[in-house]
Amino acid sequence: MKKIQEIRNVIAKTILWLLGIIIITSVFWGFILQGFNLNTSPAKDLTRTHYELISISFIFMLGAIFYNRILDSLVSILEFLSKKLTSK
C-alpha cells in the first residue's frame, strides 16, 4: 500500500512539474524563437496575463516540490476536524 502511495506521489509531482514547465515555455516561446532568429515578427512585451501565468507556473513547480508536506498537513487538518466533529 505504501509503495502505491509513493508511486502516486511521484506521478503527481511529475505532472505538476511538467505543467509548470509547459506554462513557462509557452509564455516565453516568442522570446526563445526571436533569440535564435527564427521569428521575424517582434516579440510582444510582457503583460499582466504573462506575469500571472508565470506566477501560476511557479506555484505548480513549488507545489510539486512540497507536495508531500502539503498533503500531510491537509490530511492532519482533516483528521483533526473529523475528531472534533465526532466527539460532540
N, C-alpha and C. Protein backbone atom coordinates (compact mmCIF):
# COMPACT_ATOMS: atom_id res chain seq x y z
N MET A 1 0.82 -1.20 0.00
CA MET A 1 0.00 0.00 0.00
C MET A 1 0.87 1.26 0.00
N LYS A 2 1.95 1.21 0.80
CA LYS A 2 2.83 2.36 0.86
C LYS A 2 3.55 2.57 -0.47
N LYS A 3 3.88 1.47 -1.13
CA LYS A 3 4.56 1.56 -2.43
C LYS A 3 3.65 2.22 -3.47
N ILE A 4 2.37 1.89 -3.43
CA ILE A 4 1.41 2.50 -4.36
C ILE A 4 1.31 4.00 -4.10
N GLN A 5 1.29 4.39 -2.83
CA GLN A 5 1.22 5.81 -2.48
C GLN A 5 2.47 6.56 -2.95
N GLU A 6 3.63 5.92 -2.83
CA GLU A 6 4.86 6.56 -3.30
C GLU A 6 4.84 6.74 -4.81
N ILE A 7 4.32 5.76 -5.52
CA ILE A 7 4.22 5.88 -6.98
C ILE A 7 3.25 7.00 -7.36
N ARG A 8 2.13 7.10 -6.66
CA ARG A 8 1.17 8.19 -6.92
C ARG A 8 1.81 9.55 -6.65
N ASN A 9 2.59 9.65 -5.58
CA ASN A 9 3.25 10.91 -5.27
C ASN A 9 4.23 11.31 -6.37
N VAL A 10 4.99 10.36 -6.86
CA VAL A 10 5.95 10.65 -7.92
C VAL A 10 5.22 11.09 -9.19
N ILE A 11 4.14 10.42 -9.52
CA ILE A 11 3.37 10.78 -10.71
C ILE A 11 2.77 12.18 -10.55
N ALA A 12 2.21 12.47 -9.38
CA ALA A 12 1.62 13.79 -9.16
C ALA A 12 2.68 14.88 -9.21
N LYS A 13 3.85 14.64 -8.62
CA LYS A 13 4.93 15.62 -8.66
C LYS A 13 5.39 15.86 -10.09
N THR A 14 5.50 14.80 -10.87
CA THR A 14 5.93 14.93 -12.26
C THR A 14 4.92 15.72 -13.07
N ILE A 15 3.65 15.46 -12.87
CA ILE A 15 2.61 16.19 -13.60
C ILE A 15 2.63 17.66 -13.26
N LEU A 16 2.72 17.99 -11.96
CA LEU A 16 2.77 19.40 -11.56
C LEU A 16 4.01 20.09 -12.12
N TRP A 17 5.15 19.42 -12.07
CA TRP A 17 6.38 19.99 -12.58
C TRP A 17 6.28 20.23 -14.09
N LEU A 18 5.74 19.27 -14.83
CA LEU A 18 5.60 19.43 -16.28
C LEU A 18 4.63 20.55 -16.63
N LEU A 19 3.53 20.67 -15.88
CA LEU A 19 2.60 21.78 -16.13
C LEU A 19 3.30 23.12 -15.96
N GLY A 20 4.08 23.26 -14.91
CA GLY A 20 4.81 24.50 -14.69
C GLY A 20 5.78 24.80 -15.82
N ILE A 21 6.51 23.78 -16.26
CA ILE A 21 7.48 23.98 -17.34
C ILE A 21 6.78 24.33 -18.65
N ILE A 22 5.67 23.67 -18.94
CA ILE A 22 4.92 23.95 -20.17
C ILE A 22 4.39 25.37 -20.17
N ILE A 23 3.86 25.83 -19.04
CA ILE A 23 3.32 27.18 -18.98
C ILE A 23 4.43 28.21 -19.16
N ILE A 24 5.56 28.03 -18.48
CA ILE A 24 6.66 28.99 -18.62
C ILE A 24 7.19 28.99 -20.05
N THR A 25 7.32 27.82 -20.65
CA THR A 25 7.81 27.75 -22.03
C THR A 25 6.85 28.43 -22.98
N SER A 26 5.54 28.26 -22.77
CA SER A 26 4.58 28.89 -23.66
C SER A 26 4.59 30.40 -23.52
N VAL A 27 4.84 30.91 -22.31
CA VAL A 27 4.90 32.36 -22.13
C VAL A 27 6.11 32.94 -22.86
N PHE A 28 7.26 32.27 -22.76
CA PHE A 28 8.49 32.82 -23.32
C PHE A 28 8.82 32.27 -24.70
N TRP A 29 7.89 31.56 -25.35
CA TRP A 29 8.17 30.93 -26.64
C TRP A 29 8.56 31.95 -27.70
N GLY A 30 7.88 33.08 -27.75
CA GLY A 30 8.21 34.12 -28.72
C GLY A 30 9.61 34.67 -28.51
N PHE A 31 9.99 34.86 -27.25
CA PHE A 31 11.33 35.35 -26.95
C PHE A 31 12.39 34.30 -27.30
N ILE A 32 12.07 33.03 -27.09
CA ILE A 32 13.01 31.95 -27.43
C ILE A 32 13.24 31.91 -28.94
N LEU A 33 12.15 31.98 -29.71
CA LEU A 33 12.30 31.96 -31.17
C LEU A 33 13.05 33.18 -31.67
N GLN A 34 12.76 34.34 -31.09
CA GLN A 34 13.44 35.55 -31.52
C GLN A 34 14.93 35.50 -31.17
N GLY A 35 15.27 34.86 -30.06
CA GLY A 35 16.67 34.74 -29.67
C GLY A 35 17.48 33.92 -30.65
N PHE A 36 16.86 32.93 -31.28
CA PHE A 36 17.55 32.11 -32.28
C PHE A 36 17.30 32.60 -33.70
N ASN A 37 16.75 33.81 -33.84
CA ASN A 37 16.43 34.41 -35.14
C ASN A 37 15.50 33.54 -35.97
N LEU A 38 14.59 32.84 -35.32
CA LEU A 38 13.61 32.02 -36.04
C LEU A 38 12.27 32.73 -36.19
N ASN A 39 12.11 33.85 -35.54
CA ASN A 39 10.86 34.58 -35.57
C ASN A 39 11.14 35.96 -36.16
N THR A 40 10.46 36.28 -37.26
CA THR A 40 10.71 37.57 -37.90
C THR A 40 9.90 38.69 -37.28
N SER A 41 8.76 38.38 -36.68
CA SER A 41 7.95 39.42 -36.06
C SER A 41 8.51 39.73 -34.66
N PRO A 42 8.41 40.98 -34.26
CA PRO A 42 8.96 41.33 -32.93
C PRO A 42 8.13 40.70 -31.81
N ALA A 43 8.82 40.31 -30.76
CA ALA A 43 8.13 39.71 -29.61
C ALA A 43 7.39 40.80 -28.85
N LYS A 44 6.22 40.48 -28.36
CA LYS A 44 5.42 41.44 -27.62
C LYS A 44 5.95 41.58 -26.20
N ASP A 45 5.68 42.73 -25.61
CA ASP A 45 6.09 42.94 -24.22
C ASP A 45 5.25 42.07 -23.30
N LEU A 46 5.79 41.83 -22.12
CA LEU A 46 5.06 41.04 -21.14
C LEU A 46 3.91 41.86 -20.57
N THR A 47 2.75 41.26 -20.51
CA THR A 47 1.58 41.94 -19.96
C THR A 47 1.24 41.33 -18.60
N ARG A 48 0.17 41.82 -18.03
CA ARG A 48 -0.27 41.31 -16.72
C ARG A 48 -0.60 39.82 -16.80
N THR A 49 -1.18 39.40 -17.90
CA THR A 49 -1.52 37.99 -18.08
C THR A 49 -0.27 37.12 -18.08
N HIS A 50 0.78 37.60 -18.73
CA HIS A 50 2.03 36.84 -18.73
C HIS A 50 2.57 36.66 -17.32
N TYR A 51 2.55 37.75 -16.55
CA TYR A 51 3.05 37.66 -15.18
C TYR A 51 2.19 36.73 -14.33
N GLU A 52 0.88 36.73 -14.57
CA GLU A 52 0.01 35.80 -13.84
C GLU A 52 0.31 34.35 -14.21
N LEU A 53 0.54 34.09 -15.49
CA LEU A 53 0.88 32.73 -15.92
C LEU A 53 2.22 32.28 -15.35
N ILE A 54 3.18 33.20 -15.28
CA ILE A 54 4.48 32.86 -14.69
C ILE A 54 4.30 32.53 -13.21
N SER A 55 3.48 33.32 -12.51
CA SER A 55 3.23 33.05 -11.09
C SER A 55 2.56 31.70 -10.89
N ILE A 56 1.58 31.39 -11.73
CA ILE A 56 0.88 30.11 -11.62
C ILE A 56 1.83 28.95 -11.89
N SER A 57 2.71 29.12 -12.87
CA SER A 57 3.64 28.03 -13.17
C SER A 57 4.62 27.81 -12.02
N PHE A 58 5.07 28.89 -11.37
CA PHE A 58 5.94 28.72 -10.21
C PHE A 58 5.19 28.09 -9.04
N ILE A 59 3.91 28.39 -8.90
CA ILE A 59 3.10 27.75 -7.86
C ILE A 59 3.01 26.25 -8.13
N PHE A 60 2.80 25.87 -9.39
CA PHE A 60 2.77 24.44 -9.74
C PHE A 60 4.10 23.77 -9.41
N MET A 61 5.19 24.44 -9.76
CA MET A 61 6.51 23.85 -9.52
C MET A 61 6.81 23.74 -8.02
N LEU A 62 6.47 24.77 -7.25
CA LEU A 62 6.66 24.68 -5.80
C LEU A 62 5.73 23.64 -5.19
N GLY A 63 4.52 23.54 -5.75
CA GLY A 63 3.60 22.50 -5.29
C GLY A 63 4.16 21.11 -5.52
N ALA A 64 4.86 20.95 -6.63
CA ALA A 64 5.48 19.65 -6.90
C ALA A 64 6.60 19.36 -5.91
N ILE A 65 7.35 20.40 -5.56
CA ILE A 65 8.47 20.19 -4.63
C ILE A 65 7.96 19.86 -3.23
N PHE A 66 6.95 20.59 -2.78
CA PHE A 66 6.44 20.42 -1.42
C PHE A 66 5.15 19.62 -1.37
N TYR A 67 4.92 18.75 -2.35
CA TYR A 67 3.67 18.00 -2.47
C TYR A 67 3.38 17.17 -1.23
N ASN A 68 4.34 16.41 -0.77
CA ASN A 68 4.11 15.53 0.39
C ASN A 68 3.82 16.33 1.64
N ARG A 69 4.55 17.42 1.85
CA ARG A 69 4.34 18.23 3.04
C ARG A 69 2.95 18.87 3.03
N ILE A 70 2.52 19.38 1.88
CA ILE A 70 1.19 19.98 1.77
C ILE A 70 0.12 18.93 1.99
N LEU A 71 0.30 17.77 1.38
CA LEU A 71 -0.68 16.69 1.50
C LEU A 71 -0.79 16.20 2.94
N ASP A 72 0.35 16.05 3.61
CA ASP A 72 0.34 15.60 5.01
C ASP A 72 -0.34 16.61 5.92
N SER A 73 -0.10 17.90 5.70
CA SER A 73 -0.73 18.91 6.54
C SER A 73 -2.24 18.96 6.31
N LEU A 74 -2.67 18.81 5.05
CA LEU A 74 -4.11 18.80 4.78
C LEU A 74 -4.79 17.58 5.40
N VAL A 75 -4.14 16.44 5.33
CA VAL A 75 -4.70 15.22 5.92
C VAL A 75 -4.79 15.36 7.43
N SER A 76 -3.77 15.94 8.06
CA SER A 76 -3.81 16.09 9.52
C SER A 76 -4.89 17.09 9.93
N ILE A 77 -5.09 18.13 9.16
CA ILE A 77 -6.17 19.09 9.47
C ILE A 77 -7.52 18.41 9.34
N LEU A 78 -7.71 17.63 8.28
CA LEU A 78 -8.99 16.93 8.10
C LEU A 78 -9.23 15.91 9.21
N GLU A 79 -8.19 15.21 9.63
CA GLU A 79 -8.34 14.26 10.74
C GLU A 79 -8.69 14.99 12.03
N PHE A 80 -8.06 16.13 12.28
CA PHE A 80 -8.36 16.91 13.47
C PHE A 80 -9.81 17.38 13.46
N LEU A 81 -10.26 17.89 12.31
CA LEU A 81 -11.64 18.36 12.22
C LEU A 81 -12.64 17.22 12.36
N SER A 82 -12.33 16.07 11.79
CA SER A 82 -13.26 14.95 11.92
C SER A 82 -13.34 14.46 13.36
N LYS A 83 -12.22 14.48 14.09
CA LYS A 83 -12.25 14.10 15.50
C LYS A 83 -13.05 15.10 16.31
N LYS A 84 -12.92 16.38 15.99
CA LYS A 84 -13.68 17.42 16.69
C LYS A 84 -15.17 17.24 16.47
N LEU A 85 -15.55 16.95 15.22
CA LEU A 85 -16.97 16.83 14.90
C LEU A 85 -17.57 15.56 15.47
N THR A 86 -16.82 14.48 15.50
CA THR A 86 -17.36 13.22 16.01
C THR A 86 -17.38 13.17 17.54
N SER A 87 -16.55 13.98 18.19
CA SER A 87 -16.53 13.96 19.66
C SER A 87 -17.70 14.70 20.26
N LYS A 88 -18.37 15.55 19.50
CA LYS A 88 -19.50 16.32 20.04
C LYS A 88 -20.75 15.53 20.05
